[in-house]
Amino acid sequence: MIRRFKLVRHADVSGVSGTGHVADGVIWPDGTATVRWRGDHPSTVSWDGGQASVEHVHGHGGATEIVWFDPEPSRSEAADQLGVCDVAVWDGPYRMNCGYVLTNGRCPSHGQQVPRGRL
């Protein structure tokens, strides 16, 4: 499920994009965020870090907020989209599956692209 949003800027910290509805965006099923800037010089950028990257780079300490058009998916919907790392790991003498919830198709424990597992 994709989740659409707009960026609303309350104060133009950079002096470039103005205030109000300055960009449109989407969070893709793998967690990637794409932002399309409005204005005289529109551009598009994608962030593998998803919402966290958008907020970090463009939030300007609260000067810009994400306004969602679509509701947040339920935990089960999100888990179906993201999956769980099923890479075998060892904990002492015990072999088990890693079990971390994947972020953008990557395991936060291994930092590598892993196949989608099941919850």
N, C-alpha and C. Protein backbone atom coordinates (compact mmCIF):
# COMPACT_ATOMS: atom_id res chain seq x y z
N MET A 1 0.84 -1.18 0.00
CA MET A 1 0.00 0.00 0.00
C MET A 1 0.88 1.24 0.00
N ILE A 2 0.66 2.13 -0.93
CA ILE A 2 1.39 3.40 -0.91
C ILE A 2 0.65 4.37 0.00
N ARG A 3 1.37 5.33 0.54
CA ARG A 3 0.79 6.31 1.43
C ARG A 3 1.21 7.69 0.95
N ARG A 4 0.21 8.50 0.59
CA ARG A 4 0.47 9.82 0.01
C ARG A 4 0.51 10.91 1.09
N PHE A 5 1.33 11.93 0.83
CA PHE A 5 1.43 13.05 1.77
C PHE A 5 1.78 14.33 1.03
N LYS A 6 1.68 15.43 1.75
CA LYS A 6 2.18 16.70 1.24
C LYS A 6 3.07 17.30 2.32
N LEU A 7 4.02 18.11 1.89
CA LEU A 7 4.86 18.85 2.82
C LEU A 7 4.30 20.26 2.92
N VAL A 8 4.02 20.68 4.14
CA VAL A 8 3.52 22.02 4.40
C VAL A 8 4.59 22.75 5.19
N ARG A 9 5.08 23.83 4.61
CA ARG A 9 6.16 24.60 5.23
C ARG A 9 5.56 25.83 5.90
N HIS A 10 5.81 25.94 7.22
CA HIS A 10 5.29 27.06 8.00
C HIS A 10 6.26 28.24 8.00
N ALA A 11 7.54 27.96 7.84
CA ALA A 11 8.57 29.00 7.77
C ALA A 11 9.60 28.55 6.74
N ASP A 12 9.98 29.45 5.85
CA ASP A 12 10.94 29.12 4.80
C ASP A 12 12.35 29.39 5.29
N VAL A 13 12.93 28.41 5.94
CA VAL A 13 14.26 28.53 6.54
C VAL A 13 15.33 28.78 5.48
N SER A 14 15.22 28.10 4.32
CA SER A 14 16.23 28.21 3.27
C SER A 14 16.05 29.42 2.37
N GLY A 15 14.85 29.99 2.36
CA GLY A 15 14.58 31.12 1.48
C GLY A 15 14.38 30.72 0.03
N VAL A 16 14.12 29.44 -0.24
CA VAL A 16 14.00 28.95 -1.61
C VAL A 16 12.59 28.50 -1.96
N SER A 17 12.00 27.69 -1.11
CA SER A 17 10.74 27.04 -1.51
C SER A 17 9.48 27.74 -1.06
N GLY A 18 9.57 28.76 -0.25
CA GLY A 18 8.38 29.47 0.20
C GLY A 18 7.67 28.75 1.33
N THR A 19 6.43 29.14 1.56
CA THR A 19 5.64 28.54 2.63
C THR A 19 4.36 27.95 2.06
N GLY A 20 3.65 27.20 2.89
CA GLY A 20 2.43 26.54 2.45
C GLY A 20 2.73 25.16 1.91
N HIS A 21 1.89 24.70 0.99
CA HIS A 21 2.01 23.36 0.38
C HIS A 21 3.16 23.43 -0.64
N VAL A 22 4.35 22.95 -0.25
CA VAL A 22 5.54 23.11 -1.08
C VAL A 22 5.94 21.85 -1.86
N ALA A 23 5.41 20.68 -1.46
CA ALA A 23 5.80 19.44 -2.14
C ALA A 23 4.74 18.36 -1.91
N ASP A 24 4.74 17.39 -2.81
CA ASP A 24 3.86 16.22 -2.70
C ASP A 24 4.77 15.00 -2.59
N GLY A 25 4.28 13.98 -1.90
CA GLY A 25 5.12 12.80 -1.75
C GLY A 25 4.34 11.53 -1.58
N VAL A 26 5.09 10.44 -1.59
CA VAL A 26 4.53 9.11 -1.41
C VAL A 26 5.55 8.24 -0.69
N ILE A 27 5.04 7.40 0.20
CA ILE A 27 5.85 6.35 0.80
C ILE A 27 5.47 5.08 0.07
N TRP A 28 6.44 4.43 -0.56
CA TRP A 28 6.21 3.21 -1.34
C TRP A 28 6.14 2.00 -0.42
N PRO A 29 5.60 0.87 -0.89
CA PRO A 29 5.48 -0.32 -0.04
C PRO A 29 6.80 -0.79 0.59
N ASP A 30 7.93 -0.51 -0.06
CA ASP A 30 9.21 -0.93 0.53
C ASP A 30 9.77 0.10 1.52
N GLY A 31 9.00 1.18 1.78
CA GLY A 31 9.42 2.20 2.74
C GLY A 31 10.14 3.38 2.14
N THR A 32 10.51 3.31 0.87
CA THR A 32 11.17 4.42 0.18
C THR A 32 10.21 5.60 0.09
N ALA A 33 10.73 6.81 0.23
CA ALA A 33 9.91 8.02 0.08
C ALA A 33 10.32 8.76 -1.19
N THR A 34 9.34 9.24 -1.93
CA THR A 34 9.60 10.09 -3.09
C THR A 34 8.89 11.41 -2.86
N VAL A 35 9.62 12.51 -3.08
CA VAL A 35 9.07 13.85 -2.90
C VAL A 35 9.18 14.61 -4.20
N ARG A 36 8.08 15.23 -4.62
CA ARG A 36 8.05 16.07 -5.82
C ARG A 36 7.82 17.51 -5.38
N TRP A 37 8.84 18.34 -5.61
CA TRP A 37 8.77 19.75 -5.20
C TRP A 37 7.96 20.56 -6.19
N ARG A 38 7.18 21.48 -5.68
CA ARG A 38 6.39 22.40 -6.49
C ARG A 38 7.19 23.68 -6.71
N GLY A 39 6.62 24.61 -7.45
CA GLY A 39 7.24 25.93 -7.61
C GLY A 39 7.84 26.15 -8.97
N ASP A 40 8.63 27.19 -9.07
CA ASP A 40 9.22 27.60 -10.34
C ASP A 40 10.27 26.62 -10.87
N HIS A 41 10.90 25.87 -9.98
CA HIS A 41 11.95 24.93 -10.37
C HIS A 41 11.66 23.56 -9.75
N PRO A 42 10.61 22.87 -10.21
CA PRO A 42 10.23 21.59 -9.60
C PRO A 42 11.31 20.53 -9.81
N SER A 43 11.37 19.62 -8.85
CA SER A 43 12.31 18.51 -8.94
C SER A 43 11.73 17.35 -8.14
N THR A 44 12.33 16.18 -8.34
CA THR A 44 11.90 14.97 -7.64
C THR A 44 13.11 14.32 -6.99
N VAL A 45 12.92 13.85 -5.76
CA VAL A 45 13.98 13.16 -5.03
C VAL A 45 13.38 11.94 -4.35
N SER A 46 14.16 10.87 -4.29
CA SER A 46 13.73 9.67 -3.57
C SER A 46 14.71 9.39 -2.44
N TRP A 47 14.18 8.96 -1.32
CA TRP A 47 14.98 8.68 -0.14
C TRP A 47 14.78 7.22 0.25
N ASP A 48 15.86 6.42 0.24
CA ASP A 48 15.79 5.03 0.69
C ASP A 48 15.44 4.95 2.17
N GLY A 49 15.79 5.98 2.92
CA GLY A 49 15.50 6.02 4.36
C GLY A 49 14.06 6.38 4.68
N GLY A 50 13.23 6.59 3.66
CA GLY A 50 11.81 6.82 3.86
C GLY A 50 11.46 8.08 4.62
N GLN A 51 10.40 7.99 5.42
CA GLN A 51 9.87 9.13 6.15
C GLN A 51 10.93 9.77 7.05
N ALA A 52 11.76 8.96 7.68
CA ALA A 52 12.79 9.50 8.57
C ALA A 52 13.74 10.42 7.82
N SER A 53 14.11 10.05 6.59
CA SER A 53 15.00 10.90 5.79
C SER A 53 14.32 12.19 5.39
N VAL A 54 13.05 12.10 4.98
CA VAL A 54 12.30 13.30 4.59
C VAL A 54 12.24 14.27 5.77
N GLU A 55 11.91 13.77 6.94
CA GLU A 55 11.81 14.64 8.11
C GLU A 55 13.17 15.20 8.51
N HIS A 56 14.22 14.39 8.42
CA HIS A 56 15.56 14.85 8.80
C HIS A 56 16.06 15.95 7.86
N VAL A 57 15.91 15.74 6.57
CA VAL A 57 16.47 16.68 5.59
C VAL A 57 15.58 17.92 5.40
N HIS A 58 14.27 17.72 5.40
CA HIS A 58 13.38 18.83 5.03
C HIS A 58 12.54 19.38 6.18
N GLY A 59 12.62 18.77 7.37
CA GLY A 59 11.78 19.19 8.48
C GLY A 59 12.16 20.52 9.09
N HIS A 60 13.43 20.88 9.03
CA HIS A 60 13.94 22.15 9.56
C HIS A 60 13.42 22.43 10.97
N GLY A 61 13.54 21.40 11.83
CA GLY A 61 13.18 21.59 13.23
C GLY A 61 11.72 21.91 13.47
N GLY A 62 10.85 21.40 12.64
CA GLY A 62 9.42 21.64 12.80
C GLY A 62 8.86 22.72 11.89
N ALA A 63 9.73 23.35 11.10
CA ALA A 63 9.25 24.40 10.18
C ALA A 63 8.45 23.81 9.03
N THR A 64 8.65 22.51 8.76
CA THR A 64 7.91 21.81 7.71
C THR A 64 7.29 20.57 8.32
N GLU A 65 6.03 20.32 7.99
CA GLU A 65 5.37 19.12 8.51
C GLU A 65 4.84 18.25 7.38
N ILE A 66 4.77 16.95 7.66
CA ILE A 66 4.16 16.00 6.74
C ILE A 66 2.68 15.93 7.07
N VAL A 67 1.84 16.18 6.07
CA VAL A 67 0.40 16.06 6.22
C VAL A 67 -0.04 14.88 5.36
N TRP A 68 -0.60 13.86 5.99
CA TRP A 68 -0.96 12.61 5.30
C TRP A 68 -2.33 12.69 4.65
N PHE A 69 -2.43 12.17 3.43
CA PHE A 69 -3.72 12.01 2.76
C PHE A 69 -4.33 10.65 3.07
N ASP A 70 -3.48 9.66 3.32
CA ASP A 70 -3.91 8.29 3.55
C ASP A 70 -3.62 7.90 4.99
N PRO A 71 -4.48 7.05 5.59
CA PRO A 71 -4.25 6.63 6.97
C PRO A 71 -3.02 5.74 7.07
N GLU A 72 -2.47 5.68 8.27
CA GLU A 72 -1.33 4.78 8.51
C GLU A 72 -1.82 3.35 8.42
N PRO A 73 -1.09 2.48 7.72
CA PRO A 73 -1.53 1.08 7.63
C PRO A 73 -1.49 0.42 9.00
N SER A 74 -2.37 -0.56 9.18
CA SER A 74 -2.37 -1.31 10.44
C SER A 74 -1.07 -2.10 10.55
N ARG A 75 -0.77 -2.58 11.75
CA ARG A 75 0.46 -3.34 11.96
C ARG A 75 0.51 -4.56 11.05
N SER A 76 -0.62 -5.26 10.88
CA SER A 76 -0.61 -6.45 10.04
C SER A 76 -0.41 -6.09 8.57
N GLU A 77 -1.00 -4.96 8.11
CA GLU A 77 -0.77 -4.52 6.73
C GLU A 77 0.69 -4.16 6.52
N ALA A 78 1.26 -3.44 7.47
CA ALA A 78 2.66 -3.04 7.36
C ALA A 78 3.58 -4.26 7.37
N ALA A 79 3.28 -5.22 8.22
CA ALA A 79 4.11 -6.43 8.29
C ALA A 79 4.03 -7.22 6.99
N ASP A 80 2.84 -7.28 6.38
CA ASP A 80 2.70 -7.97 5.11
C ASP A 80 3.56 -7.32 4.04
N GLN A 81 3.67 -5.99 4.08
CA GLN A 81 4.45 -5.26 3.08
C GLN A 81 5.95 -5.39 3.34
N LEU A 82 6.35 -5.32 4.60
CA LEU A 82 7.77 -5.25 4.91
C LEU A 82 8.43 -6.61 5.05
N GLY A 83 7.76 -7.55 5.69
CA GLY A 83 8.34 -8.86 5.89
C GLY A 83 9.26 -8.91 7.09
N VAL A 84 9.79 -10.08 7.33
CA VAL A 84 10.67 -10.33 8.46
C VAL A 84 11.90 -11.06 7.95
N CYS A 85 13.07 -10.69 8.47
CA CYS A 85 14.31 -11.34 8.06
C CYS A 85 14.30 -12.80 8.49
N ASP A 86 14.51 -13.69 7.54
CA ASP A 86 14.53 -15.11 7.86
C ASP A 86 15.93 -15.71 7.67
N VAL A 87 16.95 -14.86 7.72
CA VAL A 87 18.33 -15.33 7.62
C VAL A 87 18.67 -16.10 8.89
N ALA A 88 19.31 -17.25 8.72
CA ALA A 88 19.71 -18.08 9.87
C ALA A 88 20.86 -17.40 10.61
N VAL A 89 20.73 -17.31 11.92
CA VAL A 89 21.78 -16.74 12.77
C VAL A 89 22.03 -17.69 13.93
N TRP A 90 23.17 -17.53 14.56
CA TRP A 90 23.53 -18.37 15.70
C TRP A 90 23.57 -17.52 16.96
N ASP A 91 22.95 -18.02 18.02
CA ASP A 91 23.00 -17.38 19.33
C ASP A 91 23.60 -18.42 20.26
N GLY A 92 24.90 -18.35 20.43
CA GLY A 92 25.59 -19.40 21.18
C GLY A 92 25.42 -20.71 20.43
N PRO A 93 24.94 -21.75 21.10
CA PRO A 93 24.78 -23.05 20.42
C PRO A 93 23.47 -23.17 19.65
N TYR A 94 22.64 -22.13 19.67
CA TYR A 94 21.31 -22.23 19.07
C TYR A 94 21.24 -21.55 17.71
N ARG A 95 20.65 -22.24 16.74
CA ARG A 95 20.44 -21.68 15.40
C ARG A 95 18.97 -21.22 15.34
N MET A 96 18.77 -19.99 14.86
CA MET A 96 17.41 -19.46 14.75
C MET A 96 17.34 -18.50 13.58
N ASN A 97 16.15 -18.07 13.25
CA ASN A 97 15.99 -17.03 12.24
C ASN A 97 16.16 -15.68 12.91
N CYS A 98 16.73 -14.74 12.18
CA CYS A 98 17.02 -13.41 12.71
C CYS A 98 15.76 -12.78 13.31
N GLY A 99 14.70 -12.62 12.49
CA GLY A 99 13.43 -12.13 12.99
C GLY A 99 13.24 -10.63 13.00
N TYR A 100 14.25 -9.85 12.62
CA TYR A 100 14.06 -8.41 12.57
C TYR A 100 13.06 -8.06 11.47
N VAL A 101 12.22 -7.05 11.71
CA VAL A 101 11.32 -6.55 10.67
C VAL A 101 12.17 -5.79 9.67
N LEU A 102 12.00 -6.11 8.39
CA LEU A 102 12.80 -5.47 7.34
C LEU A 102 12.40 -4.02 7.17
N THR A 103 13.38 -3.20 6.90
CA THR A 103 13.17 -1.79 6.60
C THR A 103 13.71 -1.54 5.21
N ASN A 104 12.82 -1.18 4.30
CA ASN A 104 13.23 -0.95 2.91
C ASN A 104 13.91 -2.19 2.32
N GLY A 105 13.43 -3.38 2.71
CA GLY A 105 13.98 -4.61 2.18
C GLY A 105 15.31 -5.01 2.78
N ARG A 106 15.75 -4.27 3.81
CA ARG A 106 17.03 -4.56 4.45
C ARG A 106 16.82 -4.91 5.91
N CYS A 107 17.65 -5.80 6.40
CA CYS A 107 17.61 -6.17 7.81
C CYS A 107 18.42 -5.14 8.60
N PRO A 108 17.83 -4.52 9.64
CA PRO A 108 18.59 -3.54 10.41
C PRO A 108 19.74 -4.17 11.19
N SER A 109 19.67 -5.47 11.41
CA SER A 109 20.75 -6.16 12.11
C SER A 109 21.92 -6.47 11.18
N HIS A 110 21.62 -6.96 9.98
CA HIS A 110 22.67 -7.35 9.03
C HIS A 110 23.08 -6.21 8.10
N GLY A 111 22.16 -5.28 7.83
CA GLY A 111 22.45 -4.18 6.92
C GLY A 111 22.53 -4.60 5.47
N GLN A 112 22.06 -5.77 5.16
CA GLN A 112 22.13 -6.27 3.78
C GLN A 112 20.72 -6.54 3.25
N GLN A 113 20.59 -6.54 1.96
CA GLN A 113 19.32 -6.87 1.33
C GLN A 113 19.01 -8.33 1.63
N VAL A 114 17.83 -8.60 2.11
CA VAL A 114 17.46 -9.98 2.44
C VAL A 114 16.10 -10.29 1.83
N PRO A 115 15.85 -11.54 1.55
CA PRO A 115 14.54 -11.90 0.99
C PRO A 115 13.45 -11.69 2.03
N ARG A 116 12.26 -11.39 1.56
CA ARG A 116 11.14 -11.19 2.47
C ARG A 116 10.77 -12.48 3.15
N GLY A 117 10.57 -12.41 4.44
CA GLY A 117 10.13 -13.56 5.21
C GLY A 117 8.66 -13.43 5.52
N ARG A 118 8.19 -14.22 6.42
CA ARG A 118 6.78 -14.19 6.80
C ARG A 118 6.66 -14.00 8.30
N LEU A 119 5.61 -13.33 8.72
CA LEU A 119 5.33 -13.18 10.16
C LEU A 119 4.59 -14.38 10.67
